[in-house]
Protein backbone atom coordinates (compact mmCIF):
# COMPACT_ATOMS: atom_id res chain seq x y z
CA MET A 1 0.00 0.00 0.00
CA ALA A 2 1.11 3.61 -0.53
CA VAL A 3 1.88 5.44 2.72
CA PRO A 4 1.98 9.26 2.66
CA VAL A 5 4.27 11.14 5.01
CA LEU A 6 1.20 12.99 6.36
CA ASN A 7 -2.56 12.72 5.87
CA LEU A 8 -4.55 15.67 7.21
CA LYS A 9 -7.73 14.47 5.50
CA ALA A 10 -7.79 11.42 7.76
CA GLN A 11 -7.87 13.57 10.89
CA TYR A 12 -10.68 15.74 9.53
CA ALA A 13 -12.69 12.67 8.56
CA GLU A 14 -12.52 11.42 12.15
CA ILE A 15 -13.88 14.62 13.72
CA ARG A 16 -15.72 16.19 10.79
CA GLU A 17 -19.05 16.72 12.56
CA ARG A 18 -17.47 18.48 15.54
CA ILE A 19 -15.28 20.69 13.36
CA ASP A 20 -18.13 21.63 11.05
CA ALA A 21 -20.39 22.46 13.98
CA ALA A 22 -17.73 24.64 15.62
CA VAL A 23 -17.12 26.58 12.41
CA GLN A 24 -20.84 26.98 11.80
CA GLN A 25 -21.32 28.38 15.29
CA VAL A 26 -18.71 31.06 14.64
CA LEU A 27 -20.22 31.95 11.28
CA GLU A 28 -23.64 32.37 12.87
CA SER A 29 -22.24 34.46 15.74
CA GLY A 30 -20.88 37.19 13.47
CA GLN A 31 -17.87 37.60 15.80
CA PHE A 32 -14.64 36.68 14.10
CA VAL A 33 -11.65 38.28 15.90
CA LEU A 34 -10.65 38.03 19.60
CA GLY A 35 -14.03 36.67 20.61
CA PRO A 36 -15.23 34.11 23.16
CA ASN A 37 -13.52 31.14 21.50
CA VAL A 38 -10.14 32.87 21.65
CA SER A 39 -10.59 33.68 25.35
CA ALA A 40 -11.76 30.15 26.14
CA LEU A 41 -8.92 28.57 24.14
CA GLU A 42 -6.35 30.65 26.01
CA GLU A 43 -7.75 29.48 29.35
CA GLU A 44 -7.88 25.85 28.23
CA LEU A 45 -4.35 25.87 26.86
CA ALA A 46 -2.97 27.54 29.98
CA LYS A 47 -4.52 24.77 32.08
CA PHE A 48 -3.29 22.03 29.71
CA LEU A 49 0.27 23.38 29.70
CA GLY A 50 0.40 24.25 33.39
CA VAL A 51 1.13 27.94 32.91
CA ALA A 52 -0.41 31.09 34.34
CA ARG A 53 -1.08 32.86 31.03
CA ALA A 54 -1.51 31.86 27.39
CA VAL A 55 -1.72 34.46 24.62
CA THR A 56 -2.87 33.35 21.17
CA LEU A 57 -1.18 34.88 18.13
CA ALA A 58 -1.34 34.69 14.35
CA SER A 59 1.54 32.20 13.94
CA GLY A 60 4.34 30.41 15.71
CA THR A 61 6.82 32.76 14.04
CA ASP A 62 4.96 35.73 15.51
CA ALA A 63 5.11 34.06 18.91
CA LEU A 64 8.91 33.91 18.76
CA HIS A 65 9.23 37.41 17.35
CA LEU A 66 6.91 39.06 19.88
CA ALA A 67 8.37 37.03 22.74
CA LEU A 68 11.81 38.45 22.01
CA ARG A 69 10.39 41.96 21.93
CA ALA A 70 8.48 41.34 25.16
CA VAL A 71 11.65 40.41 27.08
CA GLY A 72 13.44 43.49 25.76
CA VAL A 73 15.63 42.22 22.94
CA GLY A 74 16.56 45.07 20.62
CA PRO A 75 18.80 45.95 17.69
CA GLN A 76 22.40 44.74 17.96
CA ASP A 77 21.58 42.30 20.77
CA PHE A 78 22.59 38.66 20.29
CA VAL A 79 20.08 35.80 20.40
CA LEU A 80 21.58 32.35 20.86
CA THR A 81 19.89 29.34 19.29
CA SER A 82 20.46 26.05 17.50
CA SER A 83 21.72 25.88 13.93
CA PHE A 84 19.62 22.76 13.30
CA THR A 85 16.03 23.93 13.36
CA PHE A 86 13.39 25.65 11.26
CA VAL A 87 14.46 29.08 10.08
CA ALA A 88 11.93 30.97 12.25
CA SER A 89 14.01 30.22 15.34
CA ALA A 90 16.56 32.65 13.93
CA THR A 91 14.55 35.04 11.78
CA SER A 92 12.52 36.04 14.83
CA ALA A 93 15.69 37.76 16.06
CA SER A 94 16.53 39.18 12.65
CA TYR A 95 13.13 40.93 12.46
CA ILE A 96 14.14 43.03 15.45
CA GLY A 97 17.60 43.87 14.12
CA ALA A 98 19.18 41.52 16.65
CA ARG A 99 21.80 39.00 15.56
CA PRO A 100 21.20 35.26 15.74
CA VAL A 101 24.25 33.37 16.99
CA PHE A 102 24.36 29.63 16.59
CA VAL A 103 25.53 26.77 18.78
CA ASP A 104 25.86 23.10 17.89
CA ILE A 105 23.46 20.32 18.90
CA ARG A 106 23.68 17.08 20.81
CA PRO A 107 23.81 14.20 18.31
CA ASP A 108 21.38 12.04 20.28
CA THR A 109 18.47 14.49 20.79
CA PHE A 110 19.18 17.01 17.99
CA ASN A 111 18.70 19.76 20.59
CA LEU A 112 20.91 22.58 21.80
CA ASP A 113 24.01 21.23 23.57
CA PRO A 114 24.49 22.90 26.98
CA ASN A 115 28.24 22.21 26.82
CA ARG A 116 28.53 24.09 23.53
CA VAL A 117 26.48 26.95 25.00
CA THR A 118 28.90 27.15 27.92
CA GLU A 119 31.87 27.15 25.54
CA TYR A 120 30.43 29.97 23.46
CA LEU A 121 29.64 32.11 26.50
CA ALA A 122 33.22 31.52 27.70
CA GLY A 123 34.51 33.01 24.45
CA ARG A 124 35.33 29.79 22.63
CA GLY A 125 33.94 28.24 19.48
CA PRO A 126 32.57 29.69 16.24
CA GLY A 127 30.62 32.89 16.09
CA PRO A 128 30.85 36.56 16.91
CA HIS A 129 32.19 37.80 20.21
CA PRO A 130 31.74 39.65 22.61
CA GLN A 131 29.37 37.04 23.92
CA ASP A 132 28.21 39.37 26.69
CA ARG A 133 25.79 40.86 24.16
CA VAL A 134 23.63 37.72 24.33
CA ARG A 135 20.26 38.93 25.59
CA ALA A 136 18.15 35.84 24.94
CA MET A 137 18.44 32.12 24.30
CA ILE A 138 16.00 30.06 22.20
CA PRO A 139 16.23 26.33 23.00
CA VAL A 140 14.25 24.33 20.43
CA HIS A 141 12.30 21.23 21.45
CA LEU A 142 12.94 19.67 18.07
CA TYR A 143 10.70 16.91 16.68
CA GLY A 144 8.77 16.82 19.99
CA GLN A 145 11.79 15.99 22.19
CA PRO A 146 12.30 18.52 25.02
CA ALA A 147 15.67 20.24 25.14
CA ASP A 148 17.75 19.72 28.27
CA MET A 149 16.29 22.73 30.04
CA ALA A 150 17.79 22.43 33.54
CA PRO A 151 21.41 23.22 32.57
CA LEU A 152 20.32 25.68 29.89
CA ALA A 153 18.12 27.58 32.34
CA ALA A 154 20.92 27.59 34.92
CA ILE A 155 23.37 29.03 32.39
CA ALA A 156 20.86 31.67 31.36
CA HIS A 157 19.95 32.62 34.93
CA GLU A 158 23.61 33.07 35.88
CA ARG A 159 24.13 35.54 33.05
CA GLY A 160 20.77 37.31 33.06
CA ILE A 161 19.75 35.85 29.69
CA ALA A 162 16.04 35.47 28.88
CA VAL A 163 14.91 31.97 27.86
CA ILE A 164 12.37 31.70 25.04
CA GLU A 165 11.28 28.10 24.41
CA ASP A 166 10.64 27.18 20.79
CA ALA A 167 8.02 24.53 21.47
CA ALA A 168 6.44 24.73 18.01
CA GLN A 169 6.77 20.96 17.53
CA ALA A 170 6.33 19.85 21.11
CA ILE A 171 2.95 20.70 22.60
CA GLY A 172 2.30 18.32 25.50
CA ALA A 173 5.92 17.16 25.79
CA GLU A 174 7.23 16.95 29.35
CA TYR A 175 10.58 17.63 30.97
CA GLN A 176 11.12 16.51 34.57
CA GLY A 177 7.37 16.33 35.14
CA ARG A 178 6.49 19.72 33.66
CA ARG A 179 5.15 20.47 30.21
CA VAL A 180 7.24 22.52 27.83
CA GLY A 181 6.17 26.11 27.46
CA GLY A 182 6.42 26.76 31.19
CA LEU A 183 10.14 26.10 31.60
CA GLY A 184 11.51 29.47 30.45
CA ASP A 185 10.41 33.10 30.48
CA ILE A 186 8.10 32.58 27.49
CA GLY A 187 7.12 29.44 25.56
CA CYS A 188 6.20 29.62 21.87
CA PHE A 189 3.94 27.21 19.98
CA SER A 190 2.75 26.83 16.40
CA PHE A 191 -0.67 25.70 15.27
CA TYR A 192 0.34 25.29 11.63
CA PRO A 193 -1.89 22.52 10.18
CA THR A 194 0.84 19.85 10.25
CA LYS A 195 1.58 20.27 13.97
CA ASN A 196 0.37 17.87 16.66
CA LEU A 197 -2.34 20.43 17.45
CA GLY A 198 -3.01 22.05 14.10
CA ALA A 199 -5.42 24.74 12.97
CA LEU A 200 -6.96 25.09 9.51
CA GLY A 201 -4.32 27.69 8.70
CA ASP A 202 -1.68 29.61 10.63
CA GLY A 203 -1.89 30.17 14.36
CA GLY A 204 0.43 30.51 17.32
CA LEU A 205 0.66 30.82 21.09
CA ALA A 206 2.93 32.37 23.69
CA THR A 207 2.84 31.14 27.29
CA THR A 208 4.31 32.60 30.45
CA GLN A 209 4.10 32.57 34.22
CA ASP A 210 4.66 36.34 34.29
CA GLN A 211 1.60 38.62 34.16
CA GLY A 212 3.68 41.56 32.97
CA LEU A 213 5.03 39.60 29.99
CA ALA A 214 1.52 38.39 29.15
CA ASP A 215 0.24 41.98 29.18
CA ARG A 216 3.10 43.06 26.92
CA LEU A 217 2.36 40.24 24.47
CA ARG A 218 -1.31 41.19 24.35
CA SER A 219 -0.33 44.77 23.59
CA LEU A 220 2.16 43.80 20.90
CA ARG A 221 -0.37 41.56 19.13
CA ALA A 222 -2.90 44.41 18.81
CA TYR A 223 -0.98 47.37 17.39
CA GLY A 224 0.77 48.20 20.66
CA GLY A 225 -2.26 49.10 22.73
CA ARG A 226 -4.46 47.69 25.44
CA GLU A 227 -7.30 50.11 24.80
CA ARG A 228 -8.93 50.68 21.44
CA TYR A 229 -7.27 53.50 19.47
CA LEU A 230 -4.73 54.14 22.23
CA HIS A 231 -1.29 52.92 21.07
CA GLU A 232 1.48 52.92 23.65
CA GLU A 233 4.22 51.37 21.49
CA LEU A 234 4.90 50.07 18.00
CA GLY A 235 2.85 46.91 17.79
CA PHE A 236 1.67 44.42 15.21
CA ASN A 237 -1.45 42.73 13.91
CA SER A 238 -1.08 39.20 15.22
CA ARG A 239 -4.52 38.07 16.33
CA LEU A 240 -5.86 34.52 16.16
CA ASP A 241 -9.30 34.50 14.55
CA GLU A 242 -12.39 32.92 16.09
CA ILE A 243 -12.74 30.15 13.49
CA GLN A 244 -9.21 28.90 14.17
CA ALA A 245 -9.77 29.14 17.92
CA ALA A 246 -13.02 27.16 17.68
CA VAL A 247 -11.33 24.43 15.62
CA LEU A 248 -8.39 24.26 18.03
CA ARG A 249 -10.74 23.91 21.00
CA VAL A 250 -12.29 20.86 19.36
CA LYS A 251 -8.91 19.35 18.57
CA LEU A 252 -7.47 20.07 22.02
CA GLY A 253 -9.98 17.58 23.41
CA PHE A 254 -8.35 14.85 21.31
CA LEU A 255 -4.71 15.85 21.78
CA GLU A 256 -3.78 13.50 24.62
CA ARG A 257 -5.31 10.54 22.76
CA TRP A 258 -3.47 11.53 19.59
CA THR A 259 -0.21 11.87 21.52
CA ALA A 260 -0.65 8.39 23.00
CA ARG A 261 -1.15 7.02 19.48
CA ARG A 262 1.97 8.80 18.23
CA ARG A 263 3.94 7.21 21.04
CA ALA A 264 2.47 3.79 20.22
CA ILE A 265 3.47 4.23 16.56
CA ALA A 266 6.97 5.23 17.67
CA ALA A 267 7.22 2.07 19.79
CA ARG A 268 6.14 -0.05 16.82
CA TYR A 269 8.74 1.63 14.62
CA ARG A 270 11.42 0.96 17.25
CA ALA A 271 10.54 -2.71 17.51
CA GLY A 272 10.34 -3.16 13.76
CA LEU A 273 13.58 -1.33 12.97
CA ALA A 274 15.68 -2.78 15.79
CA GLY A 275 18.87 -4.22 14.36
CA SER A 276 18.22 -2.73 10.92
CA GLY A 277 21.26 -0.48 10.93
CA VAL A 278 19.37 2.81 11.22
CA ALA A 279 19.93 5.06 14.22
CA LEU A 280 16.62 5.41 16.07
CA PRO A 281 15.50 8.56 17.90
CA VAL A 282 16.36 8.88 21.56
CA GLU A 283 13.92 9.70 24.31
CA ALA A 284 16.01 11.49 26.90
CA PRO A 285 15.71 10.34 30.55
CA GLY A 286 13.16 12.39 32.45
CA SER A 287 11.45 13.53 29.25
CA THR A 288 8.28 12.59 27.39
CA HIS A 289 8.66 12.81 23.62
CA VAL A 290 5.47 13.63 21.68
CA TYR A 291 6.84 12.52 18.29
CA HIS A 292 5.88 15.35 16.03
CA GLN A 293 8.37 13.51 13.86
CA PHE A 294 9.92 10.05 14.12
CA THR A 295 13.41 10.85 12.84
CA ILE A 296 15.95 8.19 12.03
CA ARG A 297 19.56 8.70 10.93
CA VAL A 298 20.90 6.98 7.83
CA ALA A 299 24.37 7.47 6.38
CA ASP A 300 23.14 7.08 2.78
CA ARG A 301 20.00 9.09 3.49
CA ASP A 302 19.13 10.40 0.02
CA ALA A 303 19.42 6.98 -1.59
CA VAL A 304 17.34 5.37 1.16
CA GLN A 305 14.66 8.02 0.75
CA ARG A 306 14.56 7.43 -3.00
CA ARG A 307 14.28 3.65 -2.63
CA MET A 308 11.51 3.98 -0.03
CA ALA A 309 9.58 6.26 -2.38
CA GLU A 310 9.89 3.64 -5.11
CA ARG A 311 8.19 1.23 -2.69
CA GLY A 312 5.34 3.67 -2.11
CA VAL A 313 6.47 5.12 1.23
CA ARG A 314 6.99 8.86 1.44
CA THR A 315 9.39 10.43 3.92
CA ALA A 316 10.59 13.97 4.65
CA ILE A 317 13.83 15.73 5.56
CA TYR A 318 13.71 18.25 8.38
CA TYR A 319 16.15 19.99 7.79
CA PRO A 320 18.54 19.60 4.84
CA ILE A 321 20.57 22.80 5.36
CA PRO A 322 21.60 24.03 8.82
CA LEU A 323 20.92 27.69 9.48
CA HIS A 324 24.54 28.81 9.64
CA LEU A 325 24.94 27.71 6.01
CA GLN A 326 21.74 29.32 4.70
CA PRO A 327 22.37 31.92 1.97
CA MET A 328 20.52 34.67 3.82
CA TYR A 329 22.90 34.31 6.79
CA ARG A 330 26.07 34.31 4.72
CA ASP A 331 27.01 37.72 6.12
CA LEU A 332 27.20 36.29 9.65
CA GLY A 333 30.54 34.75 8.70
CA TYR A 334 29.96 31.09 9.55
CA ARG A 335 31.67 28.40 7.48
CA PRO A 336 31.19 24.70 6.73
CA GLY A 337 32.60 22.70 9.62
CA ASP A 338 31.72 25.25 12.30
CA PHE A 339 28.94 23.06 13.73
CA PRO A 340 29.77 19.48 12.76
CA GLU A 341 26.85 17.80 14.54
CA ALA A 342 24.27 20.09 12.94
CA GLU A 343 25.87 19.52 9.54
CA ARG A 344 25.98 15.74 10.02
CA ALA A 345 22.35 15.70 11.10
CA ALA A 346 21.37 17.66 7.99
CA ARG A 347 23.01 14.94 5.87
CA GLU A 348 21.55 11.97 7.74
CA VAL A 349 18.07 12.68 9.17
CA LEU A 350 15.02 11.07 7.60
CA CYS A 351 11.51 11.53 9.01
CA LEU A 352 9.18 8.57 8.64
CA PRO A 353 5.40 8.95 8.30
CA MET A 354 3.99 10.03 11.65
CA TYR A 355 0.39 10.95 12.37
CA PRO A 356 -2.17 9.40 14.74
CA GLU A 357 -4.33 7.97 11.97
CA LEU A 358 -1.56 5.64 10.71
CA THR A 359 -2.71 2.04 11.01
CA ASP A 360 -0.48 -0.70 12.37
CA GLY A 361 -0.48 -2.18 8.89
CA GLN A 362 0.85 1.06 7.42
CA VAL A 363 3.51 1.27 10.10
CA ASP A 364 4.62 -2.25 9.25
CA GLU A 365 4.70 -1.30 5.57
CA VAL A 366 7.01 1.63 6.39
CA VAL A 367 9.26 -0.63 8.44
CA GLU A 368 9.52 -3.16 5.63
CA ALA A 369 10.23 -0.50 3.03
CA CYS A 370 12.92 1.00 5.23
CA ARG A 371 14.60 -2.35 5.85
CA GLN A 372 14.53 -3.21 2.14
CA SER A 373 15.97 0.19 1.24
CA MET A 374 19.04 -0.01 3.44
C-alpha cells in the first residue's frame, strides 16, 4: 500500500461533525476576531500546559518574534539558538535587528548542547564575540523531544539571559514532570496545520508565568495598545481569529489521545527497525517525547529516501541545510565545519510517516520499506 508522510484528511474525517459544527457556530455568531472562543482557548491551553497565562497569536513565528520583543531584545543584541532547526528560530531575532548566533546540537536528541552553549559564552567556538551581548536564548524542542532545560536555564539565569522556548513541535511534551512552554520566560507554539495540534491555517501561542510579559504580548499583538485606538508602542497585527480558535478547542480535546497514538506508533517503529542499521531517535531520561516527527539517521540518506519512495512510502527531511549555512545568513561569517553535529544531522536525518491515523499495517509497511531500502 502507498503510505503518505502525512494525511490531514484522515484527521478531519474522524472529527468532521465536531469541526463543522464549531465553524458553523462562529459563522452564525458574526464575531470573528478576539471573541469568546479565543478567550476560552487561552484558558484551556494555559490549564493544559500548566502555565499562568496563554496568549494566542497569528503564527508560531509571531510568537517567537513578539516574545523576544516582550523580554526586551533590541537591535544589535545577540540571540543564541540552534543551527539545526526551522528558520523561524533565527529570523525572529533578525526581524528586530538583533543577531542570531548559533551553537551546535547534541547528536542524540538534535537539541541545543548545553556544553557548547557554555563554551560559546566563555569566548570559545565559532561565532561573533563579545558574547556578553547575548540577551536571549532560544532552546528548540525539536521533533517533539524537550531540550535539556535544567542546565540551559541555569546558564541563562547566571548571566541574566532570557529563555524563550521554541516549542512549536512539542505541545504536550514533558521535561522533569512539567510540560514545555512553562520552563523558560516565554514558551512559543505553532498551530500550523501539520503540527500535533493544528489549525486550519496559521496560528500561534505564547505562554508565560509572568503577568507583565503576558500583558506586553497582548499589547504587541494588537498594534501596541491595550485600549482601542490608544497605542502605547509600536505593535503588530497578530490576532488569532475565532474560526481557528473554535477548531483548536475541538482538537485540544483529542490531543492527549493523539499523543498516545503517536507514542504507540513510535514504539512499533522501534521494535520493527531494531537491528536494521538505522539510528533510532532517543527519548532522553526524564522527558516525554510527543513525536511530532519520528526521525531516524541513515548514512546514505538520500538513496534510502529514494528507494523507499519507489516502494510507495513517502518520507521527509527536516532539515537539509543548517541555518549557519543558509544563503541569507552568509554575512554572519559562519563556514562549513563550524557546527559538525548540525551539519551531520542535515546529511543523515530522515523523518518517517507520523500521524495518529496511521494504522499498524501502514507502520509495518514503512518498516519493511525502510529495511529493504538499506
